[in-house]
Amino acid sequence: ASPTQDQLYVLTASSPAGCGSSADSVWVRVFKGIFLPTAFTPNGDGINDRWNTSSLALLSNFTLRIYNRYGTPVFESRNPTIIWDGRYKGRLQPTGNYVYIIQSSDRPVLKGSVLLLR
């Protein structure tokens, strides 16, 4: 199935011998794009302490790089479960905008910024 929008599919099976029937359904959700939060607050309160990039799991062979305002790379990952916590070499990074670049084998390059707030 290749729906263009979210779609409910229902499968019904019945026996030609009269043994009854059964039905089941499944929702197919259409991927509409990568969602990346525009800010996070790694202040230790347990809420938004990491930049949640879990939607990157939908990409093949991606590389995420994050740069500070001086162009220094402060984070790199090829694994969607490794999430930036606002540190570089173990040190807390200051409040500010950080630029990200995501390269993938199956999508155009994604670029943007994320605001780190303490």
PDB file of N, CA and C in Angstrom:
ATOM      1  N   ALA A   1       0.837  -1.181   0.000  1.00  0.00           N
ATOM      2  CA  ALA A   1       0.000   0.000   0.000  1.00  0.00           C
ATOM      3  C   ALA A   1       0.880   1.242   0.000  1.00  0.00           C
ATOM      4  N   SER A   2       0.471   2.227  -0.741  1.00  0.00           N
ATOM      5  CA  SER A   2       1.196   3.496  -0.806  1.00  0.00           C
ATOM      6  C   SER A   2       0.208   4.656  -0.754  1.00  0.00           C
ATOM      7  N   PRO A   3      -0.469   4.820   0.371  1.00  0.00           N
ATOM      8  CA  PRO A   3      -1.450   5.905   0.450  1.00  0.00           C
ATOM      9  C   PRO A   3      -0.772   7.264   0.470  1.00  0.00           C
ATOM     10  N   THR A   4      -1.499   8.293   0.022  1.00  0.00           N
ATOM     11  CA  THR A   4      -0.973   9.656   0.032  1.00  0.00           C
ATOM     12  C   THR A   4      -1.342  10.393   1.311  1.00  0.00           C
ATOM     13  N   GLN A   5      -2.238   9.818   2.091  1.00  0.00           N
ATOM     14  CA  GLN A   5      -2.626  10.380   3.384  1.00  0.00           C
ATOM     15  C   GLN A   5      -2.888   9.237   4.349  1.00  0.00           C
ATOM     16  N   ASP A   6      -2.999   9.554   5.645  1.00  0.00           N
ATOM     17  CA  ASP A   6      -3.281   8.510   6.635  1.00  0.00           C
ATOM     18  C   ASP A   6      -4.520   7.736   6.206  1.00  0.00           C
ATOM     19  N   GLN A   7      -4.448   6.418   6.351  1.00  0.00           N
ATOM     20  CA  GLN A   7      -5.519   5.579   5.830  1.00  0.00           C
ATOM     21  C   GLN A   7      -5.762   4.386   6.743  1.00  0.00           C
ATOM     22  N   LEU A   8      -7.016   4.062   6.973  1.00  0.00           N
ATOM     23  CA  LEU A   8      -7.396   2.868   7.714  1.00  0.00           C
ATOM     24  C   LEU A   8      -7.659   1.754   6.711  1.00  0.00           C
ATOM     25  N   TYR A   9      -6.991   0.619   6.890  1.00  0.00           N
ATOM     26  CA  TYR A   9      -7.217  -0.556   6.058  1.00  0.00           C
ATOM     27  C   TYR A   9      -7.900  -1.613   6.910  1.00  0.00           C
ATOM     28  N   VAL A  10      -8.926  -2.242   6.337  1.00  0.00           N
ATOM     29  CA  VAL A  10      -9.653  -3.302   7.023  1.00  0.00           C
ATOM     30  C   VAL A  10      -9.574  -4.556   6.162  1.00  0.00           C
ATOM     31  N   LEU A  11      -9.158  -5.658   6.784  1.00  0.00           N
ATOM     32  CA  LEU A  11      -9.093  -6.937   6.104  1.00  0.00           C
ATOM     33  C   LEU A  11     -10.157  -7.840   6.720  1.00  0.00           C
ATOM     34  N   THR A  12     -10.996  -8.389   5.873  1.00  0.00           N
ATOM     35  CA  THR A  12     -12.018  -9.327   6.322  1.00  0.00           C
ATOM     36  C   THR A  12     -11.789 -10.640   5.598  1.00  0.00           C
ATOM     37  N   ALA A  13     -11.749 -11.708   6.347  1.00  0.00           N
ATOM     38  CA  ALA A  13     -11.580 -13.044   5.772  1.00  0.00           C
ATOM     39  C   ALA A  13     -12.780 -13.888   6.169  1.00  0.00           C
ATOM     40  N   SER A  14     -13.287 -14.621   5.199  1.00  0.00           N
ATOM     41  CA  SER A  14     -14.409 -15.504   5.496  1.00  0.00           C
ATOM     42  C   SER A  14     -14.169 -16.863   4.854  1.00  0.00           C
ATOM     43  N   SER A  15     -14.781 -17.845   5.421  1.00  0.00           N
ATOM     44  CA  SER A  15     -14.610 -19.217   4.957  1.00  0.00           C
ATOM     45  C   SER A  15     -15.697 -19.555   3.936  1.00  0.00           C
ATOM     46  N   PRO A  16     -15.320 -20.092   2.774  1.00  0.00           N
ATOM     47  CA  PRO A  16     -16.349 -20.507   1.821  1.00  0.00           C
ATOM     48  C   PRO A  16     -17.135 -21.727   2.327  1.00  0.00           C
ATOM     49  N   ALA A  17     -16.604 -22.404   3.343  1.00  0.00           N
ATOM     50  CA  ALA A  17     -17.276 -23.580   3.894  1.00  0.00           C
ATOM     51  C   ALA A  17     -18.272 -23.190   4.987  1.00  0.00           C
ATOM     52  N   GLY A  18     -18.436 -21.882   5.220  1.00  0.00           N
ATOM     53  CA  GLY A  18     -19.403 -21.441   6.211  1.00  0.00           C
ATOM     54  C   GLY A  18     -18.902 -21.485   7.639  1.00  0.00           C
ATOM     55  N   CYS A  19     -17.598 -21.445   7.843  1.00  0.00           N
ATOM     56  CA  CYS A  19     -17.015 -21.513   9.195  1.00  0.00           C
ATOM     57  C   CYS A  19     -16.947 -20.156   9.877  1.00  0.00           C
ATOM     58  N   GLY A  20     -17.496 -19.152   9.267  1.00  0.00           N
ATOM     59  CA  GLY A  20     -17.475 -17.832   9.881  1.00  0.00           C
ATOM     60  C   GLY A  20     -16.521 -16.888   9.182  1.00  0.00           C
ATOM     61  N   SER A  21     -16.357 -15.731   9.779  1.00  0.00           N
ATOM     62  CA  SER A  21     -15.448 -14.730   9.218  1.00  0.00           C
ATOM     63  C   SER A  21     -14.761 -13.986  10.356  1.00  0.00           C
ATOM     64  N   SER A  22     -13.725 -13.291   9.980  1.00  0.00           N
ATOM     65  CA  SER A  22     -12.966 -12.501  10.954  1.00  0.00           C
ATOM     66  C   SER A  22     -12.462 -11.249  10.259  1.00  0.00           C
ATOM     67  N   ALA A  23     -12.284 -10.188  11.035  1.00  0.00           N
ATOM     68  CA  ALA A  23     -11.811  -8.927  10.466  1.00  0.00           C
ATOM     69  C   ALA A  23     -10.781  -8.304  11.395  1.00  0.00           C
ATOM     70  N   ASP A  24      -9.873  -7.577  10.801  1.00  0.00           N
ATOM     71  CA  ASP A  24      -8.879  -6.825  11.559  1.00  0.00           C
ATOM     72  C   ASP A  24      -8.580  -5.557  10.779  1.00  0.00           C
ATOM     73  N   SER A  25      -8.035  -4.556  11.477  1.00  0.00           N
ATOM     74  CA  SER A  25      -7.745  -3.289  10.816  1.00  0.00           C
ATOM     75  C   SER A  25      -6.389  -2.759  11.270  1.00  0.00           C
ATOM     76  N   VAL A  26      -5.847  -1.880  10.437  1.00  0.00           N
ATOM     77  CA  VAL A  26      -4.575  -1.237  10.756  1.00  0.00           C
ATOM     78  C   VAL A  26      -4.599   0.178  10.173  1.00  0.00           C
ATOM     79  N   TRP A  27      -4.081   1.128  10.964  1.00  0.00           N
ATOM     80  CA  TRP A  27      -3.905   2.492  10.472  1.00  0.00           C
ATOM     81  C   TRP A  27      -2.525   2.599   9.849  1.00  0.00           C
ATOM     82  N   VAL A  28      -2.457   3.095   8.639  1.00  0.00           N
ATOM     83  CA  VAL A  28      -1.180   3.393   8.000  1.00  0.00           C
ATOM     84  C   VAL A  28      -1.032   4.902   8.035  1.00  0.00           C
ATOM     85  N   ARG A  29       0.019   5.361   8.705  1.00  0.00           N
ATOM     86  CA  ARG A  29       0.262   6.800   8.811  1.00  0.00           C
ATOM     87  C   ARG A  29       1.335   7.197   7.797  1.00  0.00           C
ATOM     88  N   VAL A  30       1.063   8.257   7.078  1.00  0.00           N
ATOM     89  CA  VAL A  30       1.971   8.718   6.037  1.00  0.00           C
ATOM     90  C   VAL A  30       3.001   9.659   6.637  1.00  0.00           C
ATOM     91  N   PHE A  31       4.255   9.386   6.356  1.00  0.00           N
ATOM     92  CA  PHE A  31       5.358  10.208   6.825  1.00  0.00           C
ATOM     93  C   PHE A  31       5.302  11.552   6.112  1.00  0.00           C
ATOM     94  N   LYS A  32       5.217  12.639   6.889  1.00  0.00           N
ATOM     95  CA  LYS A  32       5.080  13.969   6.306  1.00  0.00           C
ATOM     96  C   LYS A  32       6.335  14.814   6.449  1.00  0.00           C
ATOM     97  N   GLY A  33       7.354  14.272   7.077  1.00  0.00           N
ATOM     98  CA  GLY A  33       8.588  15.021   7.207  1.00  0.00           C
ATOM     99  C   GLY A  33       9.241  14.820   8.558  1.00  0.00           C
ATOM    100  N   ILE A  34      10.469  15.231   8.643  1.00  0.00           N
ATOM    101  CA  ILE A  34      11.250  15.134   9.868  1.00  0.00           C
ATOM    102  C   ILE A  34      10.848  16.287  10.786  1.00  0.00           C
ATOM    103  N   PHE A  35      10.516  15.979  12.029  1.00  0.00           N
ATOM    104  CA  PHE A  35      10.243  17.026  13.007  1.00  0.00           C
ATOM    105  C   PHE A  35      11.443  17.155  13.935  1.00  0.00           C
ATOM    106  N   LEU A  36      11.981  18.345  14.015  1.00  0.00           N
ATOM    107  CA  LEU A  36      13.074  18.642  14.929  1.00  0.00           C
ATOM    108  C   LEU A  36      12.676  19.843  15.777  1.00  0.00           C
ATOM    109  N   PRO A  37      12.698  19.704  17.092  1.00  0.00           N
ATOM    110  CA  PRO A  37      12.360  20.848  17.947  1.00  0.00           C
ATOM    111  C   PRO A  37      13.291  22.028  17.686  1.00  0.00           C
ATOM    112  N   THR A  38      12.789  23.227  17.875  1.00  0.00           N
ATOM    113  CA  THR A  38      13.590  24.426  17.627  1.00  0.00           C
ATOM    114  C   THR A  38      14.302  24.915  18.885  1.00  0.00           C
ATOM    115  N   ALA A  39      14.009  24.283  20.031  1.00  0.00           N
ATOM    116  CA  ALA A  39      14.656  24.674  21.286  1.00  0.00           C
ATOM    117  C   ALA A  39      14.614  23.516  22.268  1.00  0.00           C
ATOM    118  N   PHE A  40      15.529  23.539  23.230  1.00  0.00           N
ATOM    119  CA  PHE A  40      15.497  22.597  24.339  1.00  0.00           C
ATOM    120  C   PHE A  40      16.183  23.237  25.537  1.00  0.00           C
ATOM    121  N   THR A  41      15.931  22.668  26.725  1.00  0.00           N
ATOM    122  CA  THR A  41      16.386  23.285  27.970  1.00  0.00           C
ATOM    123  C   THR A  41      17.120  22.264  28.838  1.00  0.00           C
ATOM    124  N   PRO A  42      18.384  22.015  28.564  1.00  0.00           N
ATOM    125  CA  PRO A  42      19.134  21.027  29.353  1.00  0.00           C
ATOM    126  C   PRO A  42      19.542  21.583  30.726  1.00  0.00           C
ATOM    127  N   ASN A  43      18.540  21.770  31.593  1.00  0.00           N
ATOM    128  CA  ASN A  43      18.804  22.359  32.907  1.00  0.00           C
ATOM    129  C   ASN A  43      18.630  21.362  34.052  1.00  0.00           C
ATOM    130  N   GLY A  44      18.431  20.078  33.720  1.00  0.00           N
ATOM    131  CA  GLY A  44      18.352  19.056  34.749  1.00  0.00           C
ATOM    132  C   GLY A  44      17.003  18.888  35.412  1.00  0.00           C
ATOM    133  N   ASP A  45      15.952  19.536  34.851  1.00  0.00           N
ATOM    134  CA  ASP A  45      14.629  19.401  35.476  1.00  0.00           C
ATOM    135  C   ASP A  45      13.854  18.195  34.957  1.00  0.00           C
ATOM    136  N   GLY A  46      14.439  17.442  34.030  1.00  0.00           N
ATOM    137  CA  GLY A  46      13.777  16.259  33.490  1.00  0.00           C
ATOM    138  C   GLY A  46      12.818  16.541  32.350  1.00  0.00           C
ATOM    139  N   ILE A  47      12.680  17.795  31.947  1.00  0.00           N
ATOM    140  CA  ILE A  47      11.792  18.173  30.852  1.00  0.00           C
ATOM    141  C   ILE A  47      12.620  18.815  29.746  1.00  0.00           C
ATOM    142  N   ASN A  48      12.595  18.234  28.562  1.00  0.00           N
ATOM    143  CA  ASN A  48      13.340  18.752  27.401  1.00  0.00           C
ATOM    144  C   ASN A  48      14.821  18.938  27.697  1.00  0.00           C
ATOM    145  N   ASP A  49      15.411  18.026  28.469  1.00  0.00           N
ATOM    146  CA  ASP A  49      16.835  18.132  28.807  1.00  0.00           C
ATOM    147  C   ASP A  49      17.747  17.689  27.668  1.00  0.00           C
ATOM    148  N   ARG A  50      17.165  17.084  26.649  1.00  0.00           N
ATOM    149  CA  ARG A  50      17.935  16.665  25.472  1.00  0.00           C
ATOM    150  C   ARG A  50      17.179  17.107  24.227  1.00  0.00           C
ATOM    151  N   TRP A  51      17.944  17.351  23.165  1.00  0.00           N
ATOM    152  CA  TRP A  51      17.340  17.745  21.902  1.00  0.00           C
ATOM    153  C   TRP A  51      16.805  16.486  21.232  1.00  0.00           C
ATOM    154  N   ASN A  52      15.506  16.298  21.232  1.00  0.00           N
ATOM    155  CA  ASN A  52      14.878  15.068  20.761  1.00  0.00           C
ATOM    156  C   ASN A  52      14.892  14.991  19.239  1.00  0.00           C
ATOM    157  N   THR A  53      15.738  14.122  18.722  1.00  0.00           N
ATOM    158  CA  THR A  53      15.862  13.943  17.280  1.00  0.00           C
ATOM    159  C   THR A  53      15.436  12.537  16.865  1.00  0.00           C
ATOM    160  N   SER A  54      14.507  11.942  17.595  1.00  0.00           N
ATOM    161  CA  SER A  54      14.117  10.559  17.327  1.00  0.00           C
ATOM    162  C   SER A  54      13.532  10.363  15.929  1.00  0.00           C
ATOM    163  N   SER A  55      12.975  11.397  15.315  1.00  0.00           N
ATOM    164  CA  SER A  55      12.417  11.239  13.966  1.00  0.00           C
ATOM    165  C   SER A  55      13.505  10.969  12.928  1.00  0.00           C
ATOM    166  N   LEU A  56      14.768  11.176  13.288  1.00  0.00           N
ATOM    167  CA  LEU A  56      15.855  10.870  12.359  1.00  0.00           C
ATOM    168  C   LEU A  56      15.966   9.371  12.094  1.00  0.00           C
ATOM    169  N   ALA A  57      15.317   8.555  12.913  1.00  0.00           N
ATOM    170  CA  ALA A  57      15.319   7.104  12.688  1.00  0.00           C
ATOM    171  C   ALA A  57      14.668   6.760  11.346  1.00  0.00           C
ATOM    172  N   LEU A  58      13.908   7.682  10.784  1.00  0.00           N
ATOM    173  CA  LEU A  58      13.255   7.457   9.503  1.00  0.00           C
ATOM    174  C   LEU A  58      14.202   7.638   8.324  1.00  0.00           C
ATOM    175  N   LEU A  59      15.387   8.172   8.574  1.00  0.00           N
ATOM    176  CA  LEU A  59      16.367   8.399   7.518  1.00  0.00           C
ATOM    177  C   LEU A  59      17.345   7.236   7.416  1.00  0.00           C
ATOM    178  N   SER A  60      17.876   7.043   6.225  1.00  0.00           N
ATOM    179  CA  SER A  60      18.901   6.022   6.019  1.00  0.00           C
ATOM    180  C   SER A  60      20.280   6.662   6.060  1.00  0.00           C
ATOM    181  N   ASN A  61      21.171   6.056   6.767  1.00  0.00           N
ATOM    182  CA  ASN A  61      22.572   6.486   6.773  1.00  0.00           C
ATOM    183  C   ASN A  61      22.734   7.992   6.931  1.00  0.00           C
ATOM    184  N   PHE A  62      22.216   8.537   8.013  1.00  0.00           N
ATOM    185  CA  PHE A  62      22.313   9.978   8.228  1.00  0.00           C
ATOM    186  C   PHE A  62      23.516  10.311   9.117  1.00  0.00           C
ATOM    187  N   THR A  63      23.944  11.559   9.001  1.00  0.00           N
ATOM    188  CA  THR A  63      24.929  12.129   9.908  1.00  0.00           C
ATOM    189  C   THR A  63      24.391  13.476  10.369  1.00  0.00           C
ATOM    190  N   LEU A  64      24.295  13.645  11.681  1.00  0.00           N
ATOM    191  CA  LEU A  64      23.865  14.897  12.289  1.00  0.00           C
ATOM    192  C   LEU A  64      25.084  15.574  12.875  1.00  0.00           C
ATOM    193  N   ARG A  65      25.301  16.826  12.505  1.00  0.00           N
ATOM    194  CA  ARG A  65      26.383  17.618  13.088  1.00  0.00           C
ATOM    195  C   ARG A  65      25.792  18.915  13.621  1.00  0.00           C
ATOM    196  N   ILE A  66      26.259  19.308  14.813  1.00  0.00           N
ATOM    197  CA  ILE A  66      25.817  20.557  15.429  1.00  0.00           C
ATOM    198  C   ILE A  66      27.044  21.436  15.655  1.00  0.00           C
ATOM    199  N   TYR A  67      26.911  22.709  15.304  1.00  0.00           N
ATOM    200  CA  TYR A  67      28.015  23.660  15.396  1.00  0.00           C
ATOM    201  C   TYR A  67      27.626  24.824  16.301  1.00  0.00           C
ATOM    202  N   ASN A  68      28.619  25.341  17.039  1.00  0.00           N
ATOM    203  CA  ASN A  68      28.361  26.544  17.831  1.00  0.00           C
ATOM    204  C   ASN A  68      28.505  27.781  16.946  1.00  0.00           C
ATOM    205  N   ARG A  69      28.372  28.951  17.534  1.00  0.00           N
ATOM    206  CA  ARG A  69      28.390  30.184  16.736  1.00  0.00           C
ATOM    207  C   ARG A  69      29.746  30.499  16.125  1.00  0.00           C
ATOM    208  N   TYR A  70      30.773  29.814  16.569  1.00  0.00           N
ATOM    209  CA  TYR A  70      32.114  30.008  16.003  1.00  0.00           C
ATOM    210  C   TYR A  70      32.424  28.997  14.908  1.00  0.00           C
ATOM    211  N   GLY A  71      31.470  28.107  14.639  1.00  0.00           N
ATOM    212  CA  GLY A  71      31.673  27.091  13.613  1.00  0.00           C
ATOM    213  C   GLY A  71      32.352  25.837  14.121  1.00  0.00           C
ATOM    214  N   THR A  72      32.536  25.738  15.419  1.00  0.00           N
ATOM    215  CA  THR A  72      33.154  24.548  16.009  1.00  0.00           C
ATOM    216  C   THR A  72      32.108  23.442  16.113  1.00  0.00           C
ATOM    217  N   PRO A  73      32.400  22.250  15.589  1.00  0.00           N
ATOM    218  CA  PRO A  73      31.449  21.151  15.764  1.00  0.00           C
ATOM    219  C   PRO A  73      31.409  20.729  17.232  1.00  0.00           C
ATOM    220  N   VAL A  74      30.205  20.729  17.823  1.00  0.00           N
ATOM    221  CA  VAL A  74      30.069  20.386  19.237  1.00  0.00           C
ATOM    222  C   VAL A  74      29.344  19.058  19.452  1.00  0.00           C
ATOM    223  N   PHE A  75      28.803  18.495  18.374  1.00  0.00           N
ATOM    224  CA  PHE A  75      28.106  17.209  18.503  1.00  0.00           C
ATOM    225  C   PHE A  75      28.014  16.569  17.127  1.00  0.00           C
ATOM    226  N   GLU A  76      28.137  15.242  17.107  1.00  0.00           N
ATOM    227  CA  GLU A  76      27.949  14.482  15.877  1.00  0.00           C
ATOM    228  C   GLU A  76      27.345  13.136  16.237  1.00  0.00           C
ATOM    229  N   SER A  77      26.404  12.684  15.405  1.00  0.00           N
ATOM    230  CA  SER A  77      25.784  11.384  15.645  1.00  0.00           C
ATOM    231  C   SER A  77      25.307  10.787  14.332  1.00  0.00           C
ATOM    232  N   ARG A  78      25.365   9.473  14.269  1.00  0.00           N
ATOM    233  CA  ARG A  78      24.789   8.710  13.164  1.00  0.00           C
ATOM    234  C   ARG A  78      23.722   7.750  13.703  1.00  0.00           C
ATOM    235  N   ASN A  79      23.358   7.943  14.954  1.00  0.00           N
ATOM    236  CA  ASN A  79      22.443   7.052  15.645  1.00  0.00           C
ATOM    237  C   ASN A  79      21.317   7.886  16.268  1.00  0.00           C
ATOM    238  N   PRO A  80      20.047   7.634  15.904  1.00  0.00           N
ATOM    239  CA  PRO A  80      18.950   8.457  16.432  1.00  0.00           C
ATOM    240  C   PRO A  80      18.725   8.301  17.934  1.00  0.00           C
ATOM    241  N   THR A  81      19.312   7.285  18.552  1.00  0.00           N
ATOM    242  CA  THR A  81      19.141   7.129  20.001  1.00  0.00           C
ATOM    243  C   THR A  81      20.207   7.881  20.792  1.00  0.00           C
ATOM    244  N   ILE A  82      21.212   8.398  20.098  1.00  0.00           N
ATOM    245  CA  ILE A  82      22.232   9.222  20.760  1.00  0.00           C
ATOM    246  C   ILE A  82      21.815  10.675  20.559  1.00  0.00           C
ATOM    247  N   ILE A  83      21.361  11.288  21.637  1.00  0.00           N
ATOM    248  CA  ILE A  83      20.714  12.602  21.576  1.00  0.00           C
ATOM    249  C   ILE A  83      21.585  13.639  22.285  1.00  0.00           C
ATOM    250  N   TRP A  84      21.692  14.821  21.685  1.00  0.00           N
ATOM    251  CA  TRP A  84      22.536  15.874  22.256  1.00  0.00           C
ATOM    252  C   TRP A  84      21.943  16.390  23.559  1.00  0.00           C
ATOM    253  N   ASP A  85      22.795  16.463  24.577  1.00  0.00           N
ATOM    254  CA  ASP A  85      22.373  16.951  25.897  1.00  0.00           C
ATOM    255  C   ASP A  85      22.908  18.343  26.214  1.00  0.00           C
ATOM    256  N   GLY A  86      23.422  19.036  25.193  1.00  0.00           N
ATOM    257  CA  GLY A  86      23.911  20.402  25.403  1.00  0.00           C
ATOM    258  C   GLY A  86      25.328  20.463  25.930  1.00  0.00           C
ATOM    259  N   ARG A  87      26.079  19.381  25.789  1.00  0.00           N
ATOM    260  CA  ARG A  87      27.472  19.350  26.246  1.00  0.00           C
ATOM    261  C   ARG A  87      28.425  19.162  25.074  1.00  0.00           C
ATOM    262  N   TYR A  88      29.620  19.640  25.265  1.00  0.00           N
ATOM    263  CA  TYR A  88      30.712  19.410  24.329  1.00  0.00           C
ATOM    264  C   TYR A  88      31.931  19.043  25.148  1.00  0.00           C
ATOM    265  N   LYS A  89      32.459  17.860  24.877  1.00  0.00           N
ATOM    266  CA  LYS A  89      33.596  17.319  25.640  1.00  0.00           C
ATOM    267  C   LYS A  89      33.316  17.343  27.140  1.00  0.00           C
ATOM    268  N   GLY A  90      32.054  17.019  27.496  1.00  0.00           N
ATOM    269  CA  GLY A  90      31.663  16.947  28.895  1.00  0.00           C
ATOM    270  C   GLY A  90      31.312  18.279  29.539  1.00  0.00           C
ATOM    271  N   ARG A  91      31.507  19.362  28.835  1.00  0.00           N
ATOM    272  CA  ARG A  91      31.226  20.689  29.398  1.00  0.00           C
ATOM    273  C   ARG A  91      29.891  21.222  28.914  1.00  0.00           C
ATOM    274  N   LEU A  92      29.130  21.818  29.844  1.00  0.00           N
ATOM    275  CA  LEU A  92      27.869  22.448  29.479  1.00  0.00           C
ATOM    276  C   LEU A  92      28.135  23.586  28.504  1.00  0.00           C
ATOM    277  N   GLN A  93      27.353  23.641  27.455  1.00  0.00           N
ATOM    278  CA  GLN A  93      27.490  24.715  26.481  1.00  0.00           C
ATOM    279  C   GLN A  93      26.558  25.863  26.862  1.00  0.00           C
ATOM    280  N   PRO A  94      26.940  27.078  26.500  1.00  0.00           N
ATOM    281  CA  PRO A  94      26.146  28.241  26.908  1.00  0.00           C
ATOM    282  C   PRO A  94      24.836  28.352  26.141  1.00  0.00           C
ATOM    283  N   THR A  95      23.923  29.120  26.704  1.00  0.00           N
ATOM    284  CA  THR A  95      22.675  29.447  26.023  1.00  0.00           C
ATOM    285  C   THR A  95      23.009  30.097  24.684  1.00  0.00           C
ATOM    286  N   GLY A  96      22.261  29.744  23.666  1.00  0.00           N
ATOM    287  CA  GLY A  96      22.470  30.339  22.359  1.00  0.00           C
ATOM    288  C   GLY A  96      21.929  29.468  21.248  1.00  0.00           C
ATOM    289  N   ASN A  97      22.053  29.983  20.031  1.00  0.00           N
ATOM    290  CA  ASN A  97      21.642  29.236  18.842  1.00  0.00           C
ATOM    291  C   ASN A  97      22.790  28.377  18.349  1.00  0.00           C
ATOM    292  N   TYR A  98      22.458  27.177  17.954  1.00  0.00           N
ATOM    293  CA  TYR A  98      23.418  26.229  17.399  1.00  0.00           C
ATOM    294  C   TYR A  98      22.884  25.778  16.045  1.00  0.00           C
ATOM    295  N   VAL A  99      23.766  25.665  15.083  1.00  0.00           N
ATOM    296  CA  VAL A  99      23.381  25.281  13.723  1.00  0.00           C
ATOM    297  C   VAL A  99      23.530  23.781  13.580  1.00  0.00           C
ATOM    298  N   TYR A 100      22.554  23.143  12.945  1.00  0.00           N
ATOM    299  CA  TYR A 100      22.678  21.721  12.654  1.00  0.00           C
ATOM    300  C   TYR A 100      22.650  21.493  11.144  1.00  0.00           C
ATOM    301  N   ILE A 101      23.326  20.444  10.731  1.00  0.00           N
ATOM    302  CA  ILE A 101      23.323  19.984   9.345  1.00  0.00           C
ATOM    303  C   ILE A 101      23.113  18.479   9.399  1.00  0.00           C
ATOM    304  N   ILE A 102      22.136  18.002   8.656  1.00  0.00           N
ATOM    305  CA  ILE A 102      21.842  16.575   8.603  1.00  0.00           C
ATOM    306  C   ILE A 102      21.983  16.119   7.163  1.00  0.00           C
ATOM    307  N   GLN A 103      22.907  15.197   6.952  1.00  0.00           N
ATOM    308  CA  GLN A 103      23.123  14.624   5.632  1.00  0.00           C
ATOM    309  C   GLN A 103      22.617  13.188   5.661  1.00  0.00           C
ATOM    310  N   SER A 104      21.921  12.802   4.596  1.00  0.00           N
ATOM    311  CA  SER A 104      21.346  11.472   4.516  1.00  0.00           C
ATOM    312  C   SER A 104      21.467  10.963   3.090  1.00  0.00           C
ATOM    313  N   SER A 105      21.515   9.653   2.954  1.00  0.00           N
ATOM    314  CA  SER A 105      21.632   9.067   1.623  1.00  0.00           C
ATOM    315  C   SER A 105      20.311   9.114   0.854  1.00  0.00           C
ATOM    316  N   ASP A 106      19.188   9.378   1.527  1.00  0.00           N
ATOM    317  CA  ASP A 106      17.903   9.344   0.829  1.00  0.00           C
ATOM    318  C   ASP A 106      17.109  10.643   0.885  1.00  0.00           C
ATOM    319  N   ARG A 107      17.706  11.731   1.359  1.00  0.00           N
ATOM    320  CA  ARG A 107      17.002  13.019   1.442  1.00  0.00           C
ATOM    321  C   ARG A 107      17.996  14.147   1.141  1.00  0.00           C
ATOM    322  N   PRO A 108      17.485  15.303   0.729  1.00  0.00           N
ATOM    323  CA  PRO A 108      18.370  16.468   0.602  1.00  0.00           C
ATOM    324  C   PRO A 108      18.919  16.864   1.979  1.00  0.00           C
ATOM    325  N   VAL A 109      19.990  17.610   1.990  1.00  0.00           N
ATOM    326  CA  VAL A 109      20.594  18.076   3.237  1.00  0.00           C
ATOM    327  C   VAL A 109      19.591  18.942   3.991  1.00  0.00           C
ATOM    328  N   LEU A 110      19.465  18.690   5.293  1.00  0.00           N
ATOM    329  CA  LEU A 110      18.611  19.499   6.159  1.00  0.00           C
ATOM    330  C   LEU A 110      19.496  20.419   6.984  1.00  0.00           C
ATOM    331  N   LYS A 111      19.153  21.699   7.013  1.00  0.00           N
ATOM    332  CA  LYS A 111      19.914  22.680   7.798  1.00  0.00           C
ATOM    333  C   LYS A 111      18.938  23.509   8.609  1.00  0.00           C
ATOM    334  N   GLY A 112      19.387  23.910   9.785  1.00  0.00           N
ATOM    335  CA  GLY A 112      18.553  24.753  10.617  1.00  0.00           C
ATOM    336  C   GLY A 112      19.281  25.120  11.889  1.00  0.00           C
ATOM    337  N   SER A 113      18.535  25.645  12.835  1.00  0.00           N
ATOM    338  CA  SER A 113      19.150  26.007  14.110  1.00  0.00           C
ATOM    339  C   SER A 113      18.271  25.536  15.258  1.00  0.00           C
ATOM    340  N   VAL A 114      18.918  25.328  16.384  1.00  0.00           N
ATOM    341  CA  VAL A 114      18.228  24.935  17.596  1.00  0.00           C
ATOM    342  C   VAL A 114      18.714  25.869  18.699  1.00  0.00           C
ATOM    343  N   LEU A 115      17.780  26.323  19.525  1.00  0.00           N
ATOM    344  CA  LEU A 115      18.100  27.229  20.615  1.00  0.00           C
ATOM    345  C   LEU A 115      18.293  26.421  21.895  1.00  0.00           C
ATOM    346  N   LEU A 116      19.463  26.537  22.503  1.00  0.00           N
ATOM    347  CA  LEU A 116      19.753  25.901  23.772  1.00  0.00           C
ATOM    348  C   LEU A 116      19.503  26.949  24.853  1.00  0.00           C
ATOM    349  N   LEU A 117      18.588  26.633  25.766  1.00  0.00           N
ATOM    350  CA  LEU A 117      18.258  27.551  26.863  1.00  0.00           C
ATOM    351  C   LEU A 117      18.592  26.907  28.191  1.00  0.00           C
ATOM    352  N   ARG A 118      19.254  27.643  29.062  1.00  0.00           N
ATOM    353  CA  ARG A 118      19.568  27.115  30.395  1.00  0.00           C
ATOM    354  C   ARG A 118      18.750  27.863  31.426  1.00  0.00           C
TER     355      ARG A 118
END
